[in-house]
Every structure is written in C-alpha cells, then in structure tokens.
Amino acid sequence: MRLPIAISAILVASLGLSTPVISQPPIQIAQKPASTNFALEQFKINYRLWKHKKISNYRYEFTRSCFCFPKATEPVIIEVRNGVTTSITYKYAKTPVDRALFEKYNTMPKLFNIIRNAFIQRADNLTVQYNSILGYPTQINIDYDKQRTDDEIFITISNLQQIK
C-alpha cells in the first residue's frame, strides 16, 4: 500500500521541479529582429535573382485585398513589354481598367519597391513569398501599424509568363 503512495509522491515532486521559476517571453518576440534580418536577406536575394534573369516582357495575374475601391480589388492581368506596362485588363471581364488604380503595382520592380518601402517604414508585419526560380514575389502581406485599422494590404501575383 505504501509503494503506490511513494511513487505518486515522487511523480508529483518531479513535476514540480521541472516547472520554470520565472516565465520566459514568447519565442516569437525574442526572434523578431532575427526574422526581420532574414526577411531582408530573402528580399535582397530574390531581387537580385529577378534582376539577373533580365525578364522585360512578361504578363501576370494580380490581385489585391485592401480597404479600398472595390474595382481595385478585382483580379487583373498586367502585361509589361520592355519594362513598361502596356495593358491592364480585368481577368474575367477582359475589359481595360482604370490604370491609376494599379499604378504602384504594374511592374515587378514596383512590387519590389512596395516590399522595400515596408522595410523602410518598419511595418509591424511583413510576410513575403517568392518564386524560387525567378525570384519575383508571389504573395505580399503588409500591416504597417498594428494599432491602426484598414492599413493592411494583401497582394497575390500568379501565373507569371514570359512573353516574346
């Protein structure tokens, strides 16, 4: 009868000894500077990769989610020739768009500038995914200030095709 009680007492005592005396801060907070440095390094690597490929004629699908004019959030096809935007059309309606709605996003260099500016402005949250072969961003999520509402922007770039 004493053996089960003794075993239980030892187990309870050992559990108590493994509990930290001082609570540790969350790992995410401790690693935030490292993750920012990693994200900046990833940006530099992918930007160099994109520039190295020297792709000046291409087409891609662009979608933006933000608190903005509804027509600015519809998926569009952007075509660039010799580094200059030649057309922007709505993906489904196949009609031209108001170019002013997409002026900041209508070439890959401009999309890289959006990311660079988020670093410069020290956005509270910046998440970017890149195409592993060509280096261009495929997903850009930015929250400039966690304390403000409606300043977030979510961008998706897909189906990039090099054109002749």
N, C-alpha and C. Protein backbone atom coordinates (compact mmCIF):
# COMPACT_ATOMS: atom_id res chain seq x y z
N MET A 1 0.82 -1.20 0.00
CA MET A 1 0.00 0.00 0.00
C MET A 1 0.86 1.26 0.00
N ARG A 2 2.00 1.21 0.68
CA ARG A 2 2.86 2.38 0.75
C ARG A 2 3.59 2.64 -0.57
N LEU A 3 3.83 1.60 -1.34
CA LEU A 3 4.55 1.75 -2.61
C LEU A 3 3.82 2.65 -3.60
N PRO A 4 2.52 2.47 -3.85
CA PRO A 4 1.82 3.39 -4.78
C PRO A 4 1.83 4.83 -4.29
N ILE A 5 1.72 5.03 -2.98
CA ILE A 5 1.74 6.39 -2.44
C ILE A 5 3.12 7.00 -2.64
N ALA A 6 4.15 6.24 -2.41
CA ALA A 6 5.52 6.73 -2.58
C ALA A 6 5.79 7.07 -4.04
N ILE A 7 5.35 6.23 -4.96
CA ILE A 7 5.54 6.50 -6.39
C ILE A 7 4.79 7.77 -6.80
N SER A 8 3.57 7.92 -6.32
CA SER A 8 2.78 9.12 -6.63
C SER A 8 3.46 10.37 -6.11
N ALA A 9 4.01 10.30 -4.91
CA ALA A 9 4.68 11.45 -4.31
C ALA A 9 5.92 11.82 -5.10
N ILE A 10 6.66 10.84 -5.56
CA ILE A 10 7.87 11.10 -6.36
C ILE A 10 7.49 11.75 -7.69
N LEU A 11 6.44 11.25 -8.35
CA LEU A 11 5.99 11.83 -9.62
C LEU A 11 5.55 13.28 -9.46
N VAL A 12 4.76 13.54 -8.42
CA VAL A 12 4.29 14.91 -8.18
C VAL A 12 5.48 15.83 -7.90
N ALA A 13 6.43 15.37 -7.10
CA ALA A 13 7.60 16.19 -6.77
C ALA A 13 8.43 16.48 -8.02
N SER A 14 8.60 15.46 -8.88
CA SER A 14 9.42 15.67 -10.08
C SER A 14 8.74 16.64 -11.05
N LEU A 15 7.42 16.61 -11.12
CA LEU A 15 6.71 17.56 -11.99
C LEU A 15 6.89 18.98 -11.49
N GLY A 16 6.87 19.15 -10.20
CA GLY A 16 7.04 20.47 -9.62
C GLY A 16 8.42 21.04 -9.86
N LEU A 17 9.44 20.18 -9.91
CA LEU A 17 10.81 20.64 -10.11
C LEU A 17 11.06 21.08 -11.55
N SER A 18 10.29 20.56 -12.50
CA SER A 18 10.53 20.92 -13.90
C SER A 18 9.80 22.20 -14.32
N THR A 19 8.98 22.75 -13.44
CA THR A 19 8.26 23.98 -13.75
C THR A 19 9.22 25.16 -13.62
N PRO A 20 9.29 26.04 -14.64
CA PRO A 20 10.20 27.18 -14.54
C PRO A 20 9.78 28.14 -13.44
N VAL A 21 10.77 28.69 -12.77
CA VAL A 21 10.51 29.63 -11.68
C VAL A 21 10.10 30.98 -12.25
N ILE A 22 10.78 31.42 -13.31
CA ILE A 22 10.47 32.69 -13.95
C ILE A 22 9.96 32.37 -15.35
N SER A 23 8.82 32.94 -15.70
CA SER A 23 8.28 32.64 -17.03
C SER A 23 9.15 33.29 -18.11
N GLN A 24 9.28 32.61 -19.22
CA GLN A 24 10.09 33.08 -20.33
C GLN A 24 9.21 33.85 -21.32
N PRO A 25 9.74 34.87 -22.00
CA PRO A 25 8.95 35.57 -23.00
C PRO A 25 8.70 34.65 -24.20
N PRO A 26 7.64 34.89 -24.95
CA PRO A 26 7.37 34.05 -26.12
C PRO A 26 8.55 34.07 -27.10
N ILE A 27 8.78 32.96 -27.73
CA ILE A 27 9.90 32.82 -28.65
C ILE A 27 9.76 33.79 -29.82
N GLN A 28 8.55 34.01 -30.30
CA GLN A 28 8.37 34.90 -31.45
C GLN A 28 8.92 36.29 -31.16
N ILE A 29 8.68 36.80 -29.99
CA ILE A 29 9.16 38.14 -29.65
C ILE A 29 10.68 38.15 -29.60
N ALA A 30 11.26 37.11 -29.00
CA ALA A 30 12.71 37.04 -28.89
C ALA A 30 13.37 36.93 -30.26
N GLN A 31 12.69 36.37 -31.22
CA GLN A 31 13.28 36.16 -32.53
C GLN A 31 12.88 37.22 -33.55
N LYS A 32 12.10 38.21 -33.16
CA LYS A 32 11.63 39.19 -34.14
C LYS A 32 12.76 39.88 -34.91
N PRO A 33 13.84 40.39 -34.25
CA PRO A 33 14.91 41.00 -35.02
C PRO A 33 15.56 40.03 -35.99
N ALA A 34 15.75 38.78 -35.57
CA ALA A 34 16.36 37.79 -36.45
C ALA A 34 15.47 37.54 -37.66
N SER A 35 14.16 37.46 -37.46
CA SER A 35 13.26 37.19 -38.58
C SER A 35 13.21 38.39 -39.53
N THR A 36 13.33 39.60 -39.01
CA THR A 36 13.37 40.77 -39.87
C THR A 36 14.63 40.76 -40.72
N ASN A 37 15.76 40.41 -40.10
CA ASN A 37 17.00 40.31 -40.86
C ASN A 37 16.92 39.22 -41.91
N PHE A 38 16.32 38.10 -41.56
CA PHE A 38 16.15 37.01 -42.52
C PHE A 38 15.27 37.46 -43.68
N ALA A 39 14.16 38.14 -43.38
CA ALA A 39 13.26 38.62 -44.43
C ALA A 39 13.96 39.62 -45.34
N LEU A 40 14.77 40.49 -44.78
CA LEU A 40 15.51 41.45 -45.59
C LEU A 40 16.53 40.74 -46.48
N GLU A 41 17.19 39.74 -45.94
CA GLU A 41 18.15 38.97 -46.74
C GLU A 41 17.45 38.21 -47.87
N GLN A 42 16.28 37.65 -47.56
CA GLN A 42 15.49 36.96 -48.61
C GLN A 42 15.08 37.95 -49.70
N PHE A 43 14.70 39.15 -49.29
CA PHE A 43 14.33 40.19 -50.25
C PHE A 43 15.51 40.47 -51.19
N LYS A 44 16.68 40.69 -50.62
CA LYS A 44 17.86 41.02 -51.42
C LYS A 44 18.21 39.89 -52.39
N ILE A 45 18.18 38.66 -51.91
CA ILE A 45 18.49 37.50 -52.76
C ILE A 45 17.51 37.40 -53.93
N ASN A 46 16.24 37.53 -53.63
CA ASN A 46 15.23 37.38 -54.68
C ASN A 46 15.20 38.55 -55.64
N TYR A 47 15.45 39.74 -55.14
CA TYR A 47 15.52 40.90 -56.03
C TYR A 47 16.68 40.76 -57.01
N ARG A 48 17.85 40.32 -56.49
CA ARG A 48 19.00 40.07 -57.37
C ARG A 48 18.69 38.98 -58.39
N LEU A 49 18.01 37.93 -57.96
CA LEU A 49 17.66 36.84 -58.86
C LEU A 49 16.75 37.35 -59.98
N TRP A 50 15.74 38.14 -59.62
CA TRP A 50 14.84 38.70 -60.64
C TRP A 50 15.61 39.57 -61.63
N LYS A 51 16.47 40.45 -61.11
CA LYS A 51 17.25 41.33 -61.99
C LYS A 51 18.20 40.53 -62.87
N HIS A 52 18.79 39.49 -62.32
CA HIS A 52 19.73 38.65 -63.07
C HIS A 52 19.04 37.96 -64.26
N LYS A 53 17.77 37.62 -64.11
CA LYS A 53 17.03 36.93 -65.19
C LYS A 53 16.75 37.86 -66.36
N LYS A 54 16.79 39.18 -66.13
CA LYS A 54 16.58 40.19 -67.18
C LYS A 54 15.31 39.94 -67.99
N ILE A 55 14.23 39.70 -67.29
CA ILE A 55 12.94 39.50 -67.95
C ILE A 55 12.26 40.86 -68.09
N SER A 56 12.09 41.32 -69.30
CA SER A 56 11.47 42.63 -69.50
C SER A 56 10.13 42.53 -70.21
N ASN A 57 9.79 41.36 -70.73
CA ASN A 57 8.49 41.14 -71.39
C ASN A 57 7.78 40.01 -70.66
N TYR A 58 6.70 40.36 -69.96
CA TYR A 58 6.00 39.36 -69.16
C TYR A 58 4.56 39.78 -68.91
N ARG A 59 3.80 38.80 -68.45
CA ARG A 59 2.39 39.02 -68.11
C ARG A 59 2.14 38.28 -66.80
N TYR A 60 1.31 38.84 -65.93
CA TYR A 60 0.98 38.18 -64.66
C TYR A 60 -0.40 38.57 -64.18
N GLU A 61 -0.96 37.70 -63.35
CA GLU A 61 -2.23 37.99 -62.69
C GLU A 61 -1.92 38.68 -61.38
N PHE A 62 -2.71 39.70 -61.09
CA PHE A 62 -2.50 40.49 -59.87
C PHE A 62 -3.83 40.62 -59.14
N THR A 63 -3.80 40.34 -57.85
CA THR A 63 -4.99 40.52 -57.02
C THR A 63 -4.57 41.23 -55.75
N ARG A 64 -5.36 42.20 -55.37
CA ARG A 64 -5.07 42.97 -54.14
C ARG A 64 -6.30 42.93 -53.25
N SER A 65 -6.06 42.73 -51.98
CA SER A 65 -7.12 42.79 -51.00
C SER A 65 -6.76 43.92 -50.04
N CYS A 66 -7.65 44.88 -49.94
CA CYS A 66 -7.39 46.03 -49.07
C CYS A 66 -8.71 46.72 -48.79
N PHE A 67 -8.68 47.72 -47.94
CA PHE A 67 -9.84 48.54 -47.69
C PHE A 67 -9.79 49.71 -48.68
N CYS A 68 -10.18 49.42 -49.91
CA CYS A 68 -10.09 50.41 -50.96
C CYS A 68 -11.25 50.22 -51.95
N PHE A 69 -11.25 51.00 -52.98
CA PHE A 69 -12.28 51.00 -54.01
C PHE A 69 -12.49 49.57 -54.52
N PRO A 70 -13.74 49.06 -54.58
CA PRO A 70 -13.97 47.67 -54.99
C PRO A 70 -13.35 47.28 -56.34
N LYS A 71 -13.35 48.16 -57.30
CA LYS A 71 -12.75 47.84 -58.61
C LYS A 71 -11.24 47.62 -58.49
N ALA A 72 -10.63 48.14 -57.43
CA ALA A 72 -9.19 47.97 -57.23
C ALA A 72 -8.84 46.61 -56.66
N THR A 73 -9.85 45.84 -56.26
CA THR A 73 -9.59 44.52 -55.67
C THR A 73 -9.95 43.37 -56.61
N GLU A 74 -10.46 43.68 -57.79
CA GLU A 74 -10.76 42.63 -58.75
C GLU A 74 -9.47 42.12 -59.38
N PRO A 75 -9.38 40.81 -59.65
CA PRO A 75 -8.18 40.28 -60.31
C PRO A 75 -7.96 40.89 -61.69
N VAL A 76 -6.71 41.21 -61.99
CA VAL A 76 -6.38 41.79 -63.30
C VAL A 76 -5.21 41.05 -63.92
N ILE A 77 -5.06 41.22 -65.22
CA ILE A 77 -3.91 40.71 -65.95
C ILE A 77 -3.08 41.94 -66.35
N ILE A 78 -1.83 41.95 -65.94
CA ILE A 78 -0.93 43.06 -66.25
C ILE A 78 0.10 42.57 -67.25
N GLU A 79 0.25 43.32 -68.33
CA GLU A 79 1.24 42.97 -69.35
C GLU A 79 2.30 44.06 -69.44
N VAL A 80 3.55 43.60 -69.45
CA VAL A 80 4.69 44.52 -69.47
C VAL A 80 5.58 44.15 -70.65
N ARG A 81 5.96 45.17 -71.43
CA ARG A 81 6.90 44.96 -72.55
C ARG A 81 8.01 45.98 -72.44
N ASN A 82 9.24 45.49 -72.55
CA ASN A 82 10.42 46.33 -72.40
C ASN A 82 10.39 47.12 -71.09
N GLY A 83 9.87 46.48 -70.04
CA GLY A 83 9.83 47.11 -68.72
C GLY A 83 8.72 48.12 -68.52
N VAL A 84 7.86 48.32 -69.53
CA VAL A 84 6.79 49.32 -69.45
C VAL A 84 5.44 48.61 -69.54
N THR A 85 4.53 49.00 -68.68
CA THR A 85 3.19 48.41 -68.69
C THR A 85 2.47 48.79 -69.97
N THR A 86 2.03 47.77 -70.72
CA THR A 86 1.32 48.03 -71.98
C THR A 86 -0.18 47.83 -71.85
N SER A 87 -0.62 46.97 -70.91
CA SER A 87 -2.06 46.80 -70.73
C SER A 87 -2.37 46.24 -69.35
N ILE A 88 -3.52 46.62 -68.85
CA ILE A 88 -4.07 46.07 -67.61
C ILE A 88 -5.55 45.83 -67.89
N THR A 89 -5.97 44.57 -67.79
CA THR A 89 -7.37 44.23 -68.05
C THR A 89 -7.92 43.40 -66.90
N TYR A 90 -9.22 43.53 -66.68
CA TYR A 90 -9.85 42.69 -65.68
C TYR A 90 -9.79 41.25 -66.15
N LYS A 91 -9.45 40.35 -65.26
CA LYS A 91 -9.25 38.95 -65.61
C LYS A 91 -10.51 38.31 -66.19
N TYR A 92 -11.64 38.55 -65.58
CA TYR A 92 -12.87 37.87 -66.01
C TYR A 92 -13.64 38.65 -67.07
N ALA A 93 -13.73 39.95 -66.93
CA ALA A 93 -14.48 40.76 -67.90
C ALA A 93 -13.67 41.03 -69.16
N LYS A 94 -12.35 40.90 -69.07
CA LYS A 94 -11.45 41.15 -70.20
C LYS A 94 -11.56 42.58 -70.72
N THR A 95 -11.93 43.50 -69.84
CA THR A 95 -12.04 44.91 -70.23
C THR A 95 -10.91 45.70 -69.57
N PRO A 96 -10.50 46.80 -70.19
CA PRO A 96 -9.43 47.63 -69.60
C PRO A 96 -9.84 48.20 -68.24
N VAL A 97 -8.86 48.44 -67.41
CA VAL A 97 -9.11 49.00 -66.08
C VAL A 97 -8.67 50.46 -66.05
N ASP A 98 -9.06 51.14 -65.00
CA ASP A 98 -8.54 52.48 -64.73
C ASP A 98 -7.10 52.28 -64.25
N ARG A 99 -6.14 52.62 -65.07
CA ARG A 99 -4.72 52.36 -64.77
C ARG A 99 -4.26 52.99 -63.47
N ALA A 100 -4.87 54.09 -63.08
CA ALA A 100 -4.47 54.77 -61.85
C ALA A 100 -4.66 53.86 -60.63
N LEU A 101 -5.62 52.92 -60.68
CA LEU A 101 -5.86 52.03 -59.56
C LEU A 101 -4.70 51.06 -59.32
N PHE A 102 -3.88 50.83 -60.35
CA PHE A 102 -2.81 49.84 -60.26
C PHE A 102 -1.43 50.42 -60.54
N GLU A 103 -1.32 51.72 -60.55
CA GLU A 103 -0.07 52.40 -60.90
C GLU A 103 1.12 51.94 -60.05
N LYS A 104 0.90 51.72 -58.75
CA LYS A 104 2.00 51.33 -57.86
C LYS A 104 2.41 49.87 -58.00
N TYR A 105 1.61 49.08 -58.74
CA TYR A 105 1.80 47.62 -58.75
C TYR A 105 1.97 47.04 -60.15
N ASN A 106 2.15 47.88 -61.16
CA ASN A 106 2.04 47.40 -62.54
C ASN A 106 3.33 46.90 -63.18
N THR A 107 4.39 46.72 -62.42
CA THR A 107 5.61 46.05 -62.89
C THR A 107 6.25 45.34 -61.71
N MET A 108 7.10 44.38 -61.99
CA MET A 108 7.80 43.69 -60.90
C MET A 108 8.71 44.64 -60.11
N PRO A 109 9.47 45.53 -60.76
CA PRO A 109 10.26 46.47 -59.96
C PRO A 109 9.41 47.30 -58.99
N LYS A 110 8.21 47.67 -59.39
CA LYS A 110 7.33 48.43 -58.49
C LYS A 110 6.87 47.56 -57.32
N LEU A 111 6.63 46.28 -57.57
CA LEU A 111 6.24 45.38 -56.48
C LEU A 111 7.40 45.19 -55.50
N PHE A 112 8.61 45.09 -56.02
CA PHE A 112 9.78 45.02 -55.13
C PHE A 112 9.91 46.32 -54.33
N ASN A 113 9.56 47.45 -54.93
CA ASN A 113 9.60 48.73 -54.20
C ASN A 113 8.58 48.75 -53.05
N ILE A 114 7.42 48.13 -53.25
CA ILE A 114 6.42 48.05 -52.18
C ILE A 114 7.04 47.32 -50.98
N ILE A 115 7.73 46.23 -51.25
CA ILE A 115 8.37 45.46 -50.18
C ILE A 115 9.48 46.28 -49.52
N ARG A 116 10.33 46.89 -50.34
CA ARG A 116 11.43 47.71 -49.82
C ARG A 116 10.89 48.83 -48.93
N ASN A 117 9.84 49.49 -49.37
CA ASN A 117 9.25 50.59 -48.58
C ASN A 117 8.67 50.08 -47.26
N ALA A 118 8.14 48.86 -47.25
CA ALA A 118 7.62 48.30 -45.99
C ALA A 118 8.77 48.11 -44.99
N PHE A 119 9.94 47.69 -45.48
CA PHE A 119 11.12 47.59 -44.60
C PHE A 119 11.52 48.98 -44.10
N ILE A 120 11.57 49.94 -45.01
CA ILE A 120 11.99 51.30 -44.64
C ILE A 120 11.03 51.90 -43.62
N GLN A 121 9.73 51.69 -43.82
CA GLN A 121 8.72 52.23 -42.91
C GLN A 121 8.57 51.40 -41.63
N ARG A 122 9.34 50.32 -41.54
CA ARG A 122 9.30 49.43 -40.38
C ARG A 122 7.89 48.93 -40.11
N ALA A 123 7.29 48.35 -41.13
CA ALA A 123 5.94 47.80 -40.99
C ALA A 123 5.92 46.81 -39.83
N ASP A 124 4.81 46.81 -39.10
CA ASP A 124 4.70 45.91 -37.95
C ASP A 124 4.68 44.44 -38.39
N ASN A 125 4.13 44.18 -39.56
CA ASN A 125 4.11 42.82 -40.05
C ASN A 125 4.33 42.83 -41.56
N LEU A 126 5.29 42.06 -42.02
CA LEU A 126 5.59 41.93 -43.44
C LEU A 126 5.88 40.47 -43.72
N THR A 127 5.09 39.88 -44.58
CA THR A 127 5.29 38.49 -44.98
C THR A 127 5.33 38.45 -46.50
N VAL A 128 6.38 37.87 -47.04
CA VAL A 128 6.54 37.80 -48.49
C VAL A 128 6.93 36.38 -48.88
N GLN A 129 6.31 35.88 -49.92
CA GLN A 129 6.71 34.61 -50.52
C GLN A 129 7.22 34.91 -51.92
N TYR A 130 8.25 34.18 -52.34
CA TYR A 130 8.88 34.42 -53.63
C TYR A 130 8.84 33.17 -54.50
N ASN A 131 8.85 33.38 -55.80
CA ASN A 131 9.01 32.28 -56.75
C ASN A 131 10.46 31.81 -56.66
N SER A 132 10.66 30.53 -56.44
CA SER A 132 12.01 30.02 -56.19
C SER A 132 12.89 30.01 -57.44
N ILE A 133 12.30 30.06 -58.62
CA ILE A 133 13.09 30.01 -59.85
C ILE A 133 13.42 31.40 -60.39
N LEU A 134 12.43 32.29 -60.39
CA LEU A 134 12.63 33.62 -60.97
C LEU A 134 12.81 34.73 -59.94
N GLY A 135 12.46 34.46 -58.68
CA GLY A 135 12.69 35.43 -57.62
C GLY A 135 11.61 36.47 -57.40
N TYR A 136 10.62 36.54 -58.25
CA TYR A 136 9.59 37.57 -58.08
C TYR A 136 8.67 37.22 -56.90
N PRO A 137 8.07 38.24 -56.26
CA PRO A 137 7.17 37.96 -55.13
C PRO A 137 5.86 37.35 -55.63
N THR A 138 5.37 36.34 -54.93
CA THR A 138 4.09 35.73 -55.28
C THR A 138 3.01 36.09 -54.27
N GLN A 139 3.42 36.50 -53.08
CA GLN A 139 2.49 36.89 -52.03
C GLN A 139 3.14 37.97 -51.20
N ILE A 140 2.45 39.09 -51.02
CA ILE A 140 2.95 40.18 -50.18
C ILE A 140 1.84 40.56 -49.21
N ASN A 141 2.11 40.44 -47.92
CA ASN A 141 1.14 40.82 -46.89
C ASN A 141 1.82 41.84 -45.98
N ILE A 142 1.19 43.00 -45.87
CA ILE A 142 1.78 44.08 -45.08
C ILE A 142 0.74 44.66 -44.12
N ASP A 143 1.12 44.78 -42.86
CA ASP A 143 0.36 45.54 -41.88
C ASP A 143 1.32 46.60 -41.36
N TYR A 144 1.13 47.82 -41.80
CA TYR A 144 2.06 48.89 -41.48
C TYR A 144 2.05 49.23 -39.99
N ASP A 145 0.86 49.22 -39.38
CA ASP A 145 0.74 49.60 -37.98
C ASP A 145 -0.36 48.76 -37.34
N LYS A 146 0.01 47.91 -36.38
CA LYS A 146 -0.98 47.04 -35.73
C LYS A 146 -2.03 47.82 -34.97
N GLN A 147 -1.71 49.05 -34.59
CA GLN A 147 -2.64 49.87 -33.82
C GLN A 147 -3.70 50.54 -34.70
N ARG A 148 -3.44 50.61 -36.00
CA ARG A 148 -4.39 51.23 -36.93
C ARG A 148 -5.18 50.15 -37.65
N THR A 149 -6.38 50.48 -37.98
CA THR A 149 -7.19 49.56 -38.78
C THR A 149 -7.19 50.06 -40.22
N ASP A 150 -7.45 49.16 -41.11
CA ASP A 150 -7.61 49.48 -42.54
C ASP A 150 -6.33 49.93 -43.24
N ASP A 151 -5.16 49.61 -42.68
CA ASP A 151 -3.92 49.96 -43.37
C ASP A 151 -3.24 48.73 -43.95
N GLU A 152 -3.87 47.57 -43.79
CA GLU A 152 -3.28 46.33 -44.28
C GLU A 152 -3.47 46.21 -45.79
N ILE A 153 -2.54 45.48 -46.41
CA ILE A 153 -2.64 45.20 -47.83
C ILE A 153 -2.16 43.78 -48.08
N PHE A 154 -2.88 43.08 -48.92
CA PHE A 154 -2.56 41.69 -49.26
C PHE A 154 -2.53 41.59 -50.78
N ILE A 155 -1.41 41.17 -51.31
CA ILE A 155 -1.21 41.12 -52.76
C ILE A 155 -0.85 39.69 -53.16
N THR A 156 -1.45 39.24 -54.25
CA THR A 156 -1.10 37.94 -54.82
C THR A 156 -0.70 38.15 -56.27
N ILE A 157 0.44 37.59 -56.64
CA ILE A 157 0.93 37.63 -58.02
C ILE A 157 1.01 36.17 -58.47
N SER A 158 0.36 35.85 -59.58
CA SER A 158 0.36 34.46 -60.03
C SER A 158 0.43 34.39 -61.54
N ASN A 159 0.70 33.18 -62.02
CA ASN A 159 0.72 32.89 -63.46
C ASN A 159 1.61 33.83 -64.26
N LEU A 160 2.78 34.14 -63.74
CA LEU A 160 3.70 34.97 -64.49
C LEU A 160 4.19 34.18 -65.72
N GLN A 161 4.10 34.83 -66.87
CA GLN A 161 4.54 34.20 -68.12
C GLN A 161 5.47 35.17 -68.85
N GLN A 162 6.58 34.65 -69.27
CA GLN A 162 7.47 35.44 -70.09
C GLN A 162 6.88 35.46 -71.49
N ILE A 163 6.82 36.65 -72.13
CA ILE A 163 6.27 36.75 -73.49
C ILE A 163 7.33 37.28 -74.44
N LYS A 164 7.13 36.97 -75.68
CA LYS A 164 8.10 37.37 -76.73
C LYS A 164 7.78 38.73 -77.27
